[in-house]
Amino acid sequence: MFTARVIVEPTPEGRDRVVELLTAETESVPEAFAGCELFVVSVESAGAERVVLAEEWSSRDDFERYTSSDQFAATMAAVGPLLAGPPSSAYYEAERVGP
């Protein structure tokens, strides 16, 4: 399994739109891309300055098909100008240990 953790910091005026756009991805990405097992968006509770994405993919190849897709490019084009800086991403090879 391949996992990704992405943190974005929206501008104050862009926050609601960023959350809206990324939340829409929680439904469309798993439906459109084979191998997407989890796509979650969370808003930091203390101050709500950061938005965190947690993704689980069957393989790195599945993740890369998504990140090289037109859908990903369109989302980044919409979200990018609303961010205070570049995303902070971390990628991990993982093993599922529970059900």
PDB file of N, CA and C in Angstrom:
ATOM      1  N   MET A   1       0.859  -1.164   0.000  1.00  0.00           N
ATOM      2  CA  MET A   1       0.000   0.000   0.000  1.00  0.00           C
ATOM      3  C   MET A   1       0.901   1.221   0.000  1.00  0.00           C
ATOM      4  N   PHE A   2       0.451   2.261  -0.678  1.00  0.00           N
ATOM      5  CA  PHE A   2       1.158   3.531  -0.745  1.00  0.00           C
ATOM      6  C   PHE A   2       0.280   4.597  -0.110  1.00  0.00           C
ATOM      7  N   THR A   3       0.854   5.396   0.768  1.00  0.00           N
ATOM      8  CA  THR A   3       0.078   6.439   1.434  1.00  0.00           C
ATOM      9  C   THR A   3       0.708   7.801   1.182  1.00  0.00           C
ATOM     10  N   ALA A   4      -0.154   8.804   1.199  1.00  0.00           N
ATOM     11  CA  ALA A   4       0.300  10.189   1.033  1.00  0.00           C
ATOM     12  C   ALA A   4      -0.361  11.045   2.101  1.00  0.00           C
ATOM     13  N   ARG A   5       0.450  11.949   2.670  1.00  0.00           N
ATOM     14  CA  ARG A   5      -0.056  12.954   3.598  1.00  0.00           C
ATOM     15  C   ARG A   5       0.321  14.304   3.014  1.00  0.00           C
ATOM     16  N   VAL A   6      -0.682  15.130   2.782  1.00  0.00           N
ATOM     17  CA  VAL A   6      -0.446  16.446   2.183  1.00  0.00           C
ATOM     18  C   VAL A   6      -1.068  17.501   3.082  1.00  0.00           C
ATOM     19  N   ILE A   7      -0.272  18.525   3.411  1.00  0.00           N
ATOM     20  CA  ILE A   7      -0.772  19.646   4.210  1.00  0.00           C
ATOM     21  C   ILE A   7      -0.722  20.890   3.347  1.00  0.00           C
ATOM     22  N   VAL A   8      -1.846  21.602   3.288  1.00  0.00           N
ATOM     23  CA  VAL A   8      -1.894  22.883   2.586  1.00  0.00           C
ATOM     24  C   VAL A   8      -2.340  23.966   3.562  1.00  0.00           C
ATOM     25  N   GLU A   9      -1.831  25.162   3.341  1.00  0.00           N
ATOM     26  CA  GLU A   9      -2.216  26.301   4.154  1.00  0.00           C
ATOM     27  C   GLU A   9      -2.860  27.344   3.239  1.00  0.00           C
ATOM     28  N   PRO A  10      -4.182  27.387   3.242  1.00  0.00           N
ATOM     29  CA  PRO A  10      -4.880  28.355   2.396  1.00  0.00           C
ATOM     30  C   PRO A  10      -4.704  29.781   2.926  1.00  0.00           C
ATOM     31  N   THR A  11      -4.865  30.731   2.042  1.00  0.00           N
ATOM     32  CA  THR A  11      -4.953  32.117   2.478  1.00  0.00           C
ATOM     33  C   THR A  11      -6.268  32.253   3.242  1.00  0.00           C
ATOM     34  N   PRO A  12      -6.380  33.236   4.130  1.00  0.00           N
ATOM     35  CA  PRO A  12      -7.638  33.387   4.874  1.00  0.00           C
ATOM     36  C   PRO A  12      -8.855  33.517   3.954  1.00  0.00           C
ATOM     37  N   GLU A  13      -8.705  34.266   2.879  1.00  0.00           N
ATOM     38  CA  GLU A  13      -9.849  34.444   1.975  1.00  0.00           C
ATOM     39  C   GLU A  13     -10.093  33.227   1.077  1.00  0.00           C
ATOM     40  N   GLY A  14      -9.100  32.357   0.940  1.00  0.00           N
ATOM     41  CA  GLY A  14      -9.250  31.180   0.091  1.00  0.00           C
ATOM     42  C   GLY A  14      -9.628  29.911   0.832  1.00  0.00           C
ATOM     43  N   ARG A  15      -9.622  29.956   2.162  1.00  0.00           N
ATOM     44  CA  ARG A  15      -9.824  28.758   2.971  1.00  0.00           C
ATOM     45  C   ARG A  15     -11.097  27.990   2.629  1.00  0.00           C
ATOM     46  N   ASP A  16     -12.231  28.664   2.618  1.00  0.00           N
ATOM     47  CA  ASP A  16     -13.501  27.967   2.379  1.00  0.00           C
ATOM     48  C   ASP A  16     -13.527  27.317   1.003  1.00  0.00           C
ATOM     49  N   ARG A  17     -12.984  27.987   0.009  1.00  0.00           N
ATOM     50  CA  ARG A  17     -12.980  27.438  -1.349  1.00  0.00           C
ATOM     51  C   ARG A  17     -12.038  26.232  -1.441  1.00  0.00           C
ATOM     52  N   VAL A  18     -10.892  26.311  -0.787  1.00  0.00           N
ATOM     53  CA  VAL A  18      -9.960  25.173  -0.779  1.00  0.00           C
ATOM     54  C   VAL A  18     -10.634  23.960  -0.147  1.00  0.00           C
ATOM     55  N   VAL A  19     -11.267  24.155   0.988  1.00  0.00           N
ATOM     56  CA  VAL A  19     -11.953  23.039   1.660  1.00  0.00           C
ATOM     57  C   VAL A  19     -13.044  22.481   0.750  1.00  0.00           C
ATOM     58  N   GLU A  20     -13.786  23.350   0.101  1.00  0.00           N
ATOM     59  CA  GLU A  20     -14.846  22.901  -0.810  1.00  0.00           C
ATOM     60  C   GLU A  20     -14.275  22.075  -1.964  1.00  0.00           C
ATOM     61  N   LEU A  21     -13.228  22.577  -2.607  1.00  0.00           N
ATOM     62  CA  LEU A  21     -12.642  21.877  -3.750  1.00  0.00           C
ATOM     63  C   LEU A  21     -12.054  20.525  -3.351  1.00  0.00           C
ATOM     64  N   LEU A  22     -11.330  20.502  -2.237  1.00  0.00           N
ATOM     65  CA  LEU A  22     -10.710  19.249  -1.819  1.00  0.00           C
ATOM     66  C   LEU A  22     -11.727  18.256  -1.290  1.00  0.00           C
ATOM     67  N   THR A  23     -12.763  18.740  -0.649  1.00  0.00           N
ATOM     68  CA  THR A  23     -13.821  17.846  -0.174  1.00  0.00           C
ATOM     69  C   THR A  23     -14.523  17.177  -1.356  1.00  0.00           C
ATOM     70  N   ALA A  24     -14.702  17.892  -2.432  1.00  0.00           N
ATOM     71  CA  ALA A  24     -15.293  17.295  -3.639  1.00  0.00           C
ATOM     72  C   ALA A  24     -14.432  16.135  -4.144  1.00  0.00           C
ATOM     73  N   GLU A  25     -13.120  16.236  -3.953  1.00  0.00           N
ATOM     74  CA  GLU A  25     -12.215  15.169  -4.382  1.00  0.00           C
ATOM     75  C   GLU A  25     -12.437  13.881  -3.581  1.00  0.00           C
ATOM     76  N   THR A  26     -12.927  13.990  -2.352  1.00  0.00           N
ATOM     77  CA  THR A  26     -13.127  12.791  -1.533  1.00  0.00           C
ATOM     78  C   THR A  26     -14.144  11.845  -2.150  1.00  0.00           C
ATOM     79  N   GLU A  27     -15.031  12.376  -2.957  1.00  0.00           N
ATOM     80  CA  GLU A  27     -16.011  11.530  -3.655  1.00  0.00           C
ATOM     81  C   GLU A  27     -15.540  11.156  -5.052  1.00  0.00           C
ATOM     82  N   SER A  28     -15.013  12.142  -5.779  1.00  0.00           N
ATOM     83  CA  SER A  28     -14.702  11.886  -7.179  1.00  0.00           C
ATOM     84  C   SER A  28     -13.441  11.056  -7.389  1.00  0.00           C
ATOM     85  N   VAL A  29     -12.417  11.237  -6.562  1.00  0.00           N
ATOM     86  CA  VAL A  29     -11.167  10.503  -6.780  1.00  0.00           C
ATOM     87  C   VAL A  29     -11.357   8.996  -6.596  1.00  0.00           C
ATOM     88  N   PRO A  30     -11.928   8.531  -5.474  1.00  0.00           N
ATOM     89  CA  PRO A  30     -12.104   7.071  -5.346  1.00  0.00           C
ATOM     90  C   PRO A  30     -12.987   6.466  -6.445  1.00  0.00           C
ATOM     91  N   GLU A  31     -13.942   7.235  -6.936  1.00  0.00           N
ATOM     92  CA  GLU A  31     -14.803   6.726  -8.011  1.00  0.00           C
ATOM     93  C   GLU A  31     -14.069   6.661  -9.346  1.00  0.00           C
ATOM     94  N   ALA A  32     -13.208   7.632  -9.603  1.00  0.00           N
ATOM     95  CA  ALA A  32     -12.583   7.762 -10.915  1.00  0.00           C
ATOM     96  C   ALA A  32     -11.253   7.023 -11.055  1.00  0.00           C
ATOM     97  N   PHE A  33     -10.595   6.706  -9.931  1.00  0.00           N
ATOM     98  CA  PHE A  33      -9.251   6.154 -10.017  1.00  0.00           C
ATOM     99  C   PHE A  33      -9.143   4.827  -9.277  1.00  0.00           C
ATOM    100  N   ALA A  34      -8.868   3.796 -10.055  1.00  0.00           N
ATOM    101  CA  ALA A  34      -8.657   2.473  -9.468  1.00  0.00           C
ATOM    102  C   ALA A  34      -7.493   2.543  -8.492  1.00  0.00           C
ATOM    103  N   GLY A  35      -7.634   1.836  -7.390  1.00  0.00           N
ATOM    104  CA  GLY A  35      -6.559   1.774  -6.422  1.00  0.00           C
ATOM    105  C   GLY A  35      -6.655   2.788  -5.301  1.00  0.00           C
ATOM    106  N   CYS A  36      -7.573   3.748  -5.409  1.00  0.00           N
ATOM    107  CA  CYS A  36      -7.745   4.712  -4.324  1.00  0.00           C
ATOM    108  C   CYS A  36      -8.624   4.067  -3.260  1.00  0.00           C
ATOM    109  N   GLU A  37      -8.016   3.778  -2.119  1.00  0.00           N
ATOM    110  CA  GLU A  37      -8.724   3.103  -1.036  1.00  0.00           C
ATOM    111  C   GLU A  37      -9.238   4.087   0.015  1.00  0.00           C
ATOM    112  N   LEU A  38      -8.617   5.257   0.099  1.00  0.00           N
ATOM    113  CA  LEU A  38      -9.012   6.255   1.089  1.00  0.00           C
ATOM    114  C   LEU A  38      -8.568   7.624   0.611  1.00  0.00           C
ATOM    115  N   PHE A  39      -9.454   8.598   0.726  1.00  0.00           N
ATOM    116  CA  PHE A  39      -9.113   9.983   0.386  1.00  0.00           C
ATOM    117  C   PHE A  39      -9.890  10.859   1.365  1.00  0.00           C
ATOM    118  N   VAL A  40      -9.193  11.386   2.360  1.00  0.00           N
ATOM    119  CA  VAL A  40      -9.831  12.111   3.457  1.00  0.00           C
ATOM    120  C   VAL A  40      -9.265  13.518   3.526  1.00  0.00           C
ATOM    121  N   VAL A  41     -10.144  14.488   3.765  1.00  0.00           N
ATOM    122  CA  VAL A  41      -9.741  15.878   3.976  1.00  0.00           C
ATOM    123  C   VAL A  41     -10.135  16.262   5.386  1.00  0.00           C
ATOM    124  N   SER A  42      -9.174  16.821   6.125  1.00  0.00           N
ATOM    125  CA  SER A  42      -9.424  17.258   7.492  1.00  0.00           C
ATOM    126  C   SER A  42      -8.978  18.715   7.639  1.00  0.00           C
ATOM    127  N   VAL A  43      -9.724  19.463   8.437  1.00  0.00           N
ATOM    128  CA  VAL A  43      -9.359  20.843   8.725  1.00  0.00           C
ATOM    129  C   VAL A  43      -8.831  20.885  10.147  1.00  0.00           C
ATOM    130  N   GLU A  44      -7.663  21.481  10.308  1.00  0.00           N
ATOM    131  CA  GLU A  44      -7.057  21.596  11.630  1.00  0.00           C
ATOM    132  C   GLU A  44      -8.011  22.335  12.564  1.00  0.00           C
ATOM    133  N   SER A  45      -8.245  21.779  13.719  1.00  0.00           N
ATOM    134  CA  SER A  45      -9.230  22.374  14.638  1.00  0.00           C
ATOM    135  C   SER A  45      -8.715  23.620  15.348  1.00  0.00           C
ATOM    136  N   ALA A  46      -7.444  23.689  15.606  1.00  0.00           N
ATOM    137  CA  ALA A  46      -6.886  24.851  16.307  1.00  0.00           C
ATOM    138  C   ALA A  46      -6.551  25.946  15.303  1.00  0.00           C
ATOM    139  N   GLY A  47      -7.488  26.851  15.089  1.00  0.00           N
ATOM    140  CA  GLY A  47      -7.256  27.954  14.177  1.00  0.00           C
ATOM    141  C   GLY A  47      -7.652  27.697  12.744  1.00  0.00           C
ATOM    142  N   ALA A  48      -7.732  26.449  12.373  1.00  0.00           N
ATOM    143  CA  ALA A  48      -8.178  26.052  11.026  1.00  0.00           C
ATOM    144  C   ALA A  48      -7.333  26.653   9.911  1.00  0.00           C
ATOM    145  N   GLU A  49      -6.022  26.851  10.184  1.00  0.00           N
ATOM    146  CA  GLU A  49      -5.157  27.382   9.138  1.00  0.00           C
ATOM    147  C   GLU A  49      -4.670  26.320   8.159  1.00  0.00           C
ATOM    148  N   ARG A  50      -4.668  25.063   8.588  1.00  0.00           N
ATOM    149  CA  ARG A  50      -4.133  24.015   7.732  1.00  0.00           C
ATOM    150  C   ARG A  50      -5.220  23.016   7.352  1.00  0.00           C
ATOM    151  N   VAL A  51      -5.097  22.510   6.132  1.00  0.00           N
ATOM    152  CA  VAL A  51      -5.978  21.463   5.631  1.00  0.00           C
ATOM    153  C   VAL A  51      -5.084  20.263   5.324  1.00  0.00           C
ATOM    154  N   VAL A  52      -5.491  19.098   5.829  1.00  0.00           N
ATOM    155  CA  VAL A  52      -4.678  17.897   5.695  1.00  0.00           C
ATOM    156  C   VAL A  52      -5.414  16.871   4.842  1.00  0.00           C
ATOM    157  N   LEU A  53      -4.714  16.313   3.866  1.00  0.00           N
ATOM    158  CA  LEU A  53      -5.245  15.226   3.049  1.00  0.00           C
ATOM    159  C   LEU A  53      -4.516  13.949   3.437  1.00  0.00           C
ATOM    160  N   ALA A  54      -5.271  12.887   3.648  1.00  0.00           N
ATOM    161  CA  ALA A  54      -4.707  11.556   3.891  1.00  0.00           C
ATOM    162  C   ALA A  54      -5.227  10.651   2.785  1.00  0.00           C
ATOM    163  N   GLU A  55      -4.296  10.017   2.096  1.00  0.00           N
ATOM    164  CA  GLU A  55      -4.668   9.165   0.969  1.00  0.00           C
ATOM    165  C   GLU A  55      -4.022   7.795   1.136  1.00  0.00           C
ATOM    166  N   GLU A  56      -4.767   6.752   0.780  1.00  0.00           N
ATOM    167  CA  GLU A  56      -4.228   5.402   0.727  1.00  0.00           C
ATOM    168  C   GLU A  56      -4.507   4.855  -0.667  1.00  0.00           C
ATOM    169  N   TRP A  57      -3.472   4.283  -1.254  1.00  0.00           N
ATOM    170  CA  TRP A  57      -3.548   3.745  -2.604  1.00  0.00           C
ATOM    171  C   TRP A  57      -3.042   2.309  -2.609  1.00  0.00           C
ATOM    172  N   SER A  58      -3.573   1.499  -3.480  1.00  0.00           N
ATOM    173  CA  SER A  58      -3.119   0.112  -3.595  1.00  0.00           C
ATOM    174  C   SER A  58      -1.647   0.044  -3.970  1.00  0.00           C
ATOM    175  N   SER A  59      -1.198   1.008  -4.779  1.00  0.00           N
ATOM    176  CA  SER A  59       0.205   1.022  -5.204  1.00  0.00           C
ATOM    177  C   SER A  59       0.630   2.451  -5.541  1.00  0.00           C
ATOM    178  N   ARG A  60       1.920   2.641  -5.594  1.00  0.00           N
ATOM    179  CA  ARG A  60       2.451   3.950  -6.002  1.00  0.00           C
ATOM    180  C   ARG A  60       2.039   4.257  -7.452  1.00  0.00           C
ATOM    181  N   ASP A  61       1.990   3.229  -8.296  1.00  0.00           N
ATOM    182  CA  ASP A  61       1.566   3.430  -9.685  1.00  0.00           C
ATOM    183  C   ASP A  61       0.147   3.994  -9.751  1.00  0.00           C
ATOM    184  N   ASP A  62      -0.754   3.472  -8.913  1.00  0.00           N
ATOM    185  CA  ASP A  62      -2.124   3.996  -8.879  1.00  0.00           C
ATOM    186  C   ASP A  62      -2.118   5.474  -8.474  1.00  0.00           C
ATOM    187  N   PHE A  63      -1.334   5.811  -7.459  1.00  0.00           N
ATOM    188  CA  PHE A  63      -1.211   7.200  -7.021  1.00  0.00           C
ATOM    189  C   PHE A  63      -0.661   8.074  -8.136  1.00  0.00           C
ATOM    190  N   GLU A  64       0.343   7.614  -8.837  1.00  0.00           N
ATOM    191  CA  GLU A  64       0.951   8.396  -9.910  1.00  0.00           C
ATOM    192  C   GLU A  64       0.017   8.569 -11.100  1.00  0.00           C
ATOM    193  N   ARG A  65      -0.861   7.585 -11.351  1.00  0.00           N
ATOM    194  CA  ARG A  65      -1.864   7.768 -12.407  1.00  0.00           C
ATOM    195  C   ARG A  65      -2.787   8.935 -12.046  1.00  0.00           C
ATOM    196  N   TYR A  66      -3.148   9.016 -10.764  1.00  0.00           N
ATOM    197  CA  TYR A  66      -3.981  10.130 -10.306  1.00  0.00           C
ATOM    198  C   TYR A  66      -3.230  11.452 -10.413  1.00  0.00           C
ATOM    199  N   THR A  67      -1.992  11.512  -9.905  1.00  0.00           N
ATOM    200  CA  THR A  67      -1.271  12.792  -9.894  1.00  0.00           C
ATOM    201  C   THR A  67      -0.829  13.246 -11.280  1.00  0.00           C
ATOM    202  N   SER A  68      -0.886  12.369 -12.262  1.00  0.00           N
ATOM    203  CA  SER A  68      -0.567  12.781 -13.627  1.00  0.00           C
ATOM    204  C   SER A  68      -1.833  12.978 -14.475  1.00  0.00           C
ATOM    205  N   SER A  69      -2.988  12.925 -13.830  1.00  0.00           N
ATOM    206  CA  SER A  69      -4.262  13.030 -14.552  1.00  0.00           C
ATOM    207  C   SER A  69      -4.693  14.480 -14.778  1.00  0.00           C
ATOM    208  N   ASP A  70      -5.595  14.651 -15.730  1.00  0.00           N
ATOM    209  CA  ASP A  70      -6.188  15.962 -15.981  1.00  0.00           C
ATOM    210  C   ASP A  70      -6.981  16.453 -14.774  1.00  0.00           C
ATOM    211  N   GLN A  71      -7.623  15.536 -14.063  1.00  0.00           N
ATOM    212  CA  GLN A  71      -8.403  15.923 -12.884  1.00  0.00           C
ATOM    213  C   GLN A  71      -7.489  16.534 -11.814  1.00  0.00           C
ATOM    214  N   PHE A  72      -6.356  15.892 -11.547  1.00  0.00           N
ATOM    215  CA  PHE A  72      -5.415  16.414 -10.561  1.00  0.00           C
ATOM    216  C   PHE A  72      -4.897  17.784 -11.000  1.00  0.00           C
ATOM    217  N   ALA A  73      -4.543  17.917 -12.277  1.00  0.00           N
ATOM    218  CA  ALA A  73      -4.038  19.193 -12.789  1.00  0.00           C
ATOM    219  C   ALA A  73      -5.082  20.297 -12.638  1.00  0.00           C
ATOM    220  N   ALA A  74      -6.334  19.985 -12.917  1.00  0.00           N
ATOM    221  CA  ALA A  74      -7.403  20.985 -12.792  1.00  0.00           C
ATOM    222  C   ALA A  74      -7.608  21.391 -11.328  1.00  0.00           C
ATOM    223  N   THR A  75      -7.566  20.403 -10.432  1.00  0.00           N
ATOM    224  CA  THR A  75      -7.725  20.718  -9.009  1.00  0.00           C
ATOM    225  C   THR A  75      -6.572  21.586  -8.527  1.00  0.00           C
ATOM    226  N   MET A  76      -5.353  21.245  -8.898  1.00  0.00           N
ATOM    227  CA  MET A  76      -4.195  22.035  -8.478  1.00  0.00           C
ATOM    228  C   MET A  76      -4.247  23.444  -9.065  1.00  0.00           C
ATOM    229  N   ALA A  77      -4.735  23.577 -10.294  1.00  0.00           N
ATOM    230  CA  ALA A  77      -4.859  24.900 -10.902  1.00  0.00           C
ATOM    231  C   ALA A  77      -5.865  25.763 -10.145  1.00  0.00           C
ATOM    232  N   ALA A  78      -6.916  25.139  -9.622  1.00  0.00           N
ATOM    233  CA  ALA A  78      -7.937  25.874  -8.872  1.00  0.00           C
ATOM    234  C   ALA A  78      -7.481  26.171  -7.450  1.00  0.00           C
ATOM    235  N   VAL A  79      -6.808  25.208  -6.818  1.00  0.00           N
ATOM    236  CA  VAL A  79      -6.410  25.347  -5.420  1.00  0.00           C
ATOM    237  C   VAL A  79      -5.131  26.185  -5.268  1.00  0.00           C
ATOM    238  N   GLY A  80      -4.200  26.000  -6.161  1.00  0.00           N
ATOM    239  CA  GLY A  80      -2.884  26.642  -6.051  1.00  0.00           C
ATOM    240  C   GLY A  80      -2.902  28.132  -5.734  1.00  0.00           C
ATOM    241  N   PRO A  81      -3.668  28.933  -6.472  1.00  0.00           N
ATOM    242  CA  PRO A  81      -3.684  30.371  -6.207  1.00  0.00           C
ATOM    243  C   PRO A  81      -4.300  30.751  -4.855  1.00  0.00           C
ATOM    244  N   LEU A  82      -4.977  29.815  -4.212  1.00  0.00           N
ATOM    245  CA  LEU A  82      -5.634  30.079  -2.934  1.00  0.00           C
ATOM    246  C   LEU A  82      -4.768  29.688  -1.737  1.00  0.00           C
ATOM    247  N   LEU A  83      -3.534  29.244  -2.006  1.00  0.00           N
ATOM    248  CA  LEU A  83      -2.649  28.792  -0.940  1.00  0.00           C
ATOM    249  C   LEU A  83      -1.642  29.871  -0.559  1.00  0.00           C
ATOM    250  N   ALA A  84      -1.273  29.873   0.718  1.00  0.00           N
ATOM    251  CA  ALA A  84      -0.287  30.822   1.227  1.00  0.00           C
ATOM    252  C   ALA A  84       1.135  30.386   0.866  1.00  0.00           C
ATOM    253  N   GLY A  85       1.319  29.123   0.513  1.00  0.00           N
ATOM    254  CA  GLY A  85       2.625  28.584   0.144  1.00  0.00           C
ATOM    255  C   GLY A  85       2.454  27.225  -0.479  1.00  0.00           C
ATOM    256  N   PRO A  86       3.563  26.587  -0.848  1.00  0.00           N
ATOM    257  CA  PRO A  86       3.457  25.264  -1.476  1.00  0.00           C
ATOM    258  C   PRO A  86       2.989  24.204  -0.488  1.00  0.00           C
ATOM    259  N   PRO A  87       2.347  23.148  -0.990  1.00  0.00           N
ATOM    260  CA  PRO A  87       1.941  22.042  -0.124  1.00  0.00           C
ATOM    261  C   PRO A  87       3.150  21.356   0.509  1.00  0.00           C
ATOM    262  N   SER A  88       2.939  20.773   1.672  1.00  0.00           N
ATOM    263  CA  SER A  88       3.939  19.943   2.329  1.00  0.00           C
ATOM    264  C   SER A  88       3.456  18.509   2.202  1.00  0.00           C
ATOM    265  N   SER A  89       4.212  17.689   1.489  1.00  0.00           N
ATOM    266  CA  SER A  89       3.782  16.323   1.215  1.00  0.00           C
ATOM    267  C   SER A  89       4.767  15.319   1.774  1.00  0.00           C
ATOM    268  N   ALA A  90       4.242  14.192   2.201  1.00  0.00           N
ATOM    269  CA  ALA A  90       5.065  13.062   2.625  1.00  0.00           C
ATOM    270  C   ALA A  90       4.441  11.805   2.056  1.00  0.00           C
ATOM    271  N   TYR A  91       5.286  10.903   1.540  1.00  0.00           N
ATOM    272  CA  TYR A  91       4.810   9.670   0.933  1.00  0.00           C
ATOM    273  C   TYR A  91       5.440   8.487   1.666  1.00  0.00           C
ATOM    274  N   TYR A  92       4.653   7.421   1.822  1.00  0.00           N
ATOM    275  CA  TYR A  92       5.091   6.265   2.577  1.00  0.00           C
ATOM    276  C   TYR A  92       4.657   4.971   1.899  1.00  0.00           C
ATOM    277  N   GLU A  93       5.537   3.974   1.932  1.00  0.00           N
ATOM    278  CA  GLU A  93       5.138   2.614   1.632  1.00  0.00           C
ATOM    279  C   GLU A  93       4.621   2.057   2.956  1.00  0.00           C
ATOM    280  N   ALA A  94       3.461   1.422   2.953  1.00  0.00           N
ATOM    281  CA  ALA A  94       2.844   0.990   4.195  1.00  0.00           C
ATOM    282  C   ALA A  94       2.303  -0.423   4.066  1.00  0.00           C
ATOM    283  N   GLU A  95       1.982  -0.971   5.203  1.00  0.00           N
ATOM    284  CA  GLU A  95       1.361  -2.288   5.270  1.00  0.00           C
ATOM    285  C   GLU A  95       0.127  -2.184   6.149  1.00  0.00           C
ATOM    286  N   ARG A  96      -0.997  -2.644   5.639  1.00  0.00           N
ATOM    287  CA  ARG A  96      -2.236  -2.627   6.435  1.00  0.00           C
ATOM    288  C   ARG A  96      -2.137  -3.712   7.502  1.00  0.00           C
ATOM    289  N   VAL A  97      -2.425  -3.329   8.743  1.00  0.00           N
ATOM    290  CA  VAL A  97      -2.309  -4.284   9.838  1.00  0.00           C
ATOM    291  C   VAL A  97      -3.654  -4.602  10.483  1.00  0.00           C
ATOM    292  N   GLY A  98      -4.706  -3.946  10.033  1.00  0.00           N
ATOM    293  CA  GLY A  98      -6.041  -4.200  10.592  1.00  0.00           C
ATOM    294  C   GLY A  98      -7.015  -4.577   9.504  1.00  0.00           C
ATOM    295  N   PRO A  99      -8.280  -4.674   9.883  1.00  0.00           N
ATOM    296  CA  PRO A  99      -9.301  -5.077   8.912  1.00  0.00           C
ATOM    297  C   PRO A  99      -9.481  -4.089   7.775  1.00  0.00           C
TER     298      PRO A  99
END
